[in-house]
Amino acid sequence: MDTSYPREDPRALSRKADDAAHTALSVGTPGPMPRDHLLWSVFSTVYLNLCCLGFLALVHSVKARDQKIAGDLEAARHYGSKAKCYNILAAMWTLVPPLLLLGLVVTGALHLSRLAKDSAAFFTTKFDDEDYN
């Protein structure tokens, strides 16, 4: 008695050999599915940045997802690329001005502290009587 596992039917082995002779291979490998950047666009829209760039990114992301579902991958890549560009612009437009403002405040505070130290030294200067003659 044969108790090996898995048990194979000898007729199945002959069918596997016949199926291997008629296997079709696809020549072109499909590329990666286009990205729609929908989540990033939603966050850009919720943050309410200037010029509504997040909303434009959201519109293009939805169009990219629609095209991907419809099967037009080239249009989906196009809309996904535009959504990515709008998201990058929205992120830069959101991050750069506050950083520039912070830099201006810090340099202004440093300049004012140096100016206050120099003026305090001027007002504490003692003059002799012969300086007025």
Protein backbone atom coordinates (compact mmCIF):
# COMPACT_ATOMS: atom_id res chain seq x y z
CA MET A 1 0.00 0.00 0.00
CA ASP A 2 1.37 3.43 -1.03
CA THR A 3 0.83 6.09 1.67
CA SER A 4 2.90 8.89 0.14
CA TYR A 5 1.38 12.33 0.13
CA PRO A 6 0.17 13.88 -2.12
CA ARG A 7 -1.27 11.05 -4.08
CA GLU A 8 -1.26 11.64 -7.79
CA ASP A 9 -3.36 9.95 -10.38
CA PRO A 10 -1.21 8.51 -13.20
CA ARG A 11 -3.75 9.85 -15.72
CA ALA A 12 -3.18 13.39 -14.37
CA LEU A 13 0.54 13.14 -15.16
CA SER A 14 -0.19 12.47 -18.82
CA ARG A 15 -2.61 15.45 -18.92
CA LYS A 16 0.07 17.74 -17.42
CA ALA A 17 2.52 16.75 -20.12
CA ASP A 18 -0.06 17.49 -22.85
CA ASP A 19 -0.92 20.90 -21.30
CA ALA A 20 2.74 21.93 -21.17
CA ALA A 21 3.06 21.49 -24.93
CA HIS A 22 0.23 23.95 -25.62
CA THR A 23 1.11 26.72 -23.18
CA ALA A 24 0.93 30.26 -24.61
CA LEU A 25 3.31 32.92 -23.39
CA SER A 26 2.65 36.63 -23.57
CA VAL A 27 5.46 38.45 -25.34
CA GLY A 28 5.06 41.91 -23.80
CA THR A 29 4.98 42.29 -20.07
CA PRO A 30 2.52 44.92 -18.92
CA GLY A 31 4.10 47.87 -17.16
CA PRO A 32 3.23 48.90 -13.66
CA MET A 33 -0.22 50.28 -13.09
CA PRO A 34 -0.27 54.08 -13.22
CA ARG A 35 -0.46 55.82 -9.89
CA ASP A 36 -3.26 58.29 -9.25
CA HIS A 37 -1.90 59.93 -6.03
CA LEU A 38 -5.46 60.22 -4.70
CA LEU A 39 -4.61 60.16 -0.99
CA TRP A 40 -1.91 62.80 -1.39
CA SER A 41 -4.37 64.96 -3.34
CA VAL A 42 -7.01 64.63 -0.64
CA PHE A 43 -4.54 65.83 2.00
CA SER A 44 -3.43 68.70 -0.24
CA THR A 45 -7.05 69.71 -0.72
CA VAL A 46 -7.91 69.52 2.98
CA TYR A 47 -4.91 71.68 3.88
CA LEU A 48 -6.44 74.52 1.79
CA ASN A 49 -3.32 75.87 0.15
CA LEU A 50 -3.11 78.99 -1.99
CA CYS A 51 -4.47 78.98 -5.56
CA CYS A 52 -6.42 75.74 -4.93
CA LEU A 53 -3.54 73.58 -6.19
CA GLY A 54 -4.68 70.74 -3.95
CA PHE A 55 -8.13 70.82 -5.53
CA LEU A 56 -6.60 70.72 -9.03
CA ALA A 57 -4.51 67.74 -7.96
CA LEU A 58 -7.63 66.03 -6.61
CA VAL A 59 -9.47 66.57 -9.90
CA HIS A 60 -6.61 65.06 -11.90
CA SER A 61 -6.29 62.17 -9.43
CA VAL A 62 -9.96 61.29 -9.86
CA LYS A 63 -9.59 61.50 -13.64
CA ALA A 64 -6.54 59.21 -13.45
CA ARG A 65 -8.48 56.68 -11.38
CA ASP A 66 -11.42 56.82 -13.80
CA GLN A 67 -9.14 56.24 -16.77
CA LYS A 68 -7.39 53.38 -15.00
CA ILE A 69 -10.70 51.68 -14.32
CA ALA A 70 -11.81 52.27 -17.92
CA GLY A 71 -8.63 50.58 -19.14
CA ASP A 72 -6.94 53.59 -20.78
CA LEU A 73 -3.59 53.32 -19.01
CA GLU A 74 -1.86 55.99 -21.09
CA ALA A 75 -4.45 58.64 -20.17
CA ALA A 76 -4.29 57.44 -16.56
CA ARG A 77 -0.51 57.95 -16.55
CA HIS A 78 -0.97 61.43 -18.03
CA TYR A 79 -3.52 62.51 -15.42
CA GLY A 80 -1.54 60.85 -12.63
CA SER A 81 1.57 62.75 -13.68
CA LYS A 82 -0.34 66.05 -13.66
CA ALA A 83 -1.77 65.23 -10.23
CA LYS A 84 1.74 64.54 -8.94
CA CYS A 85 3.02 67.87 -10.30
CA TYR A 86 0.14 69.78 -8.71
CA ASN A 87 0.73 67.99 -5.41
CA ILE A 88 4.43 68.90 -5.48
CA LEU A 89 3.60 72.52 -6.26
CA ALA A 90 1.01 72.59 -3.47
CA ALA A 91 3.50 71.13 -0.99
CA MET A 92 6.19 73.63 -1.95
CA TRP A 93 3.72 76.51 -1.88
CA THR A 94 2.66 75.40 1.58
CA LEU A 95 6.12 74.79 3.08
CA VAL A 96 8.40 77.45 1.56
CA PRO A 97 6.65 80.72 2.62
CA PRO A 98 6.46 79.82 6.34
CA LEU A 99 10.11 78.75 6.28
CA LEU A 100 11.10 82.03 4.61
CA LEU A 101 9.05 83.97 7.15
CA LEU A 102 10.73 82.09 9.99
CA GLY A 103 14.14 82.89 8.52
CA LEU A 104 13.24 86.59 8.24
CA VAL A 105 12.00 86.69 11.82
CA VAL A 106 15.17 85.03 13.14
CA THR A 107 17.53 87.29 11.18
CA GLY A 108 15.47 90.35 12.15
CA ALA A 109 15.61 89.38 15.83
CA LEU A 110 19.38 88.86 15.61
CA HIS A 111 19.83 92.23 13.92
CA LEU A 112 17.64 94.01 16.50
CA SER A 113 19.47 92.40 19.41
CA ARG A 114 22.82 93.53 17.98
CA LEU A 115 21.42 97.02 17.40
CA ALA A 116 20.04 97.18 20.96
CA LYS A 117 23.39 96.07 22.39
CA ASP A 118 25.24 98.76 20.43
CA SER A 119 22.78 101.49 21.44
CA ALA A 120 22.95 100.43 25.09
CA ALA A 121 26.71 100.81 24.94
CA PHE A 122 26.26 104.32 23.50
CA PHE A 123 23.97 105.44 26.30
CA THR A 124 26.24 104.10 29.05
CA THR A 125 29.28 106.00 27.78
CA LYS A 126 30.65 108.46 30.36
CA PHE A 127 31.90 111.78 29.05
CA ASP A 128 34.47 113.90 30.81
CA ASP A 129 34.07 117.65 31.33
CA GLU A 130 36.89 118.36 28.91
CA ASP A 131 34.94 116.63 26.14
CA TYR A 132 32.50 119.54 26.20
CA ASN A 133 35.12 122.27 25.84
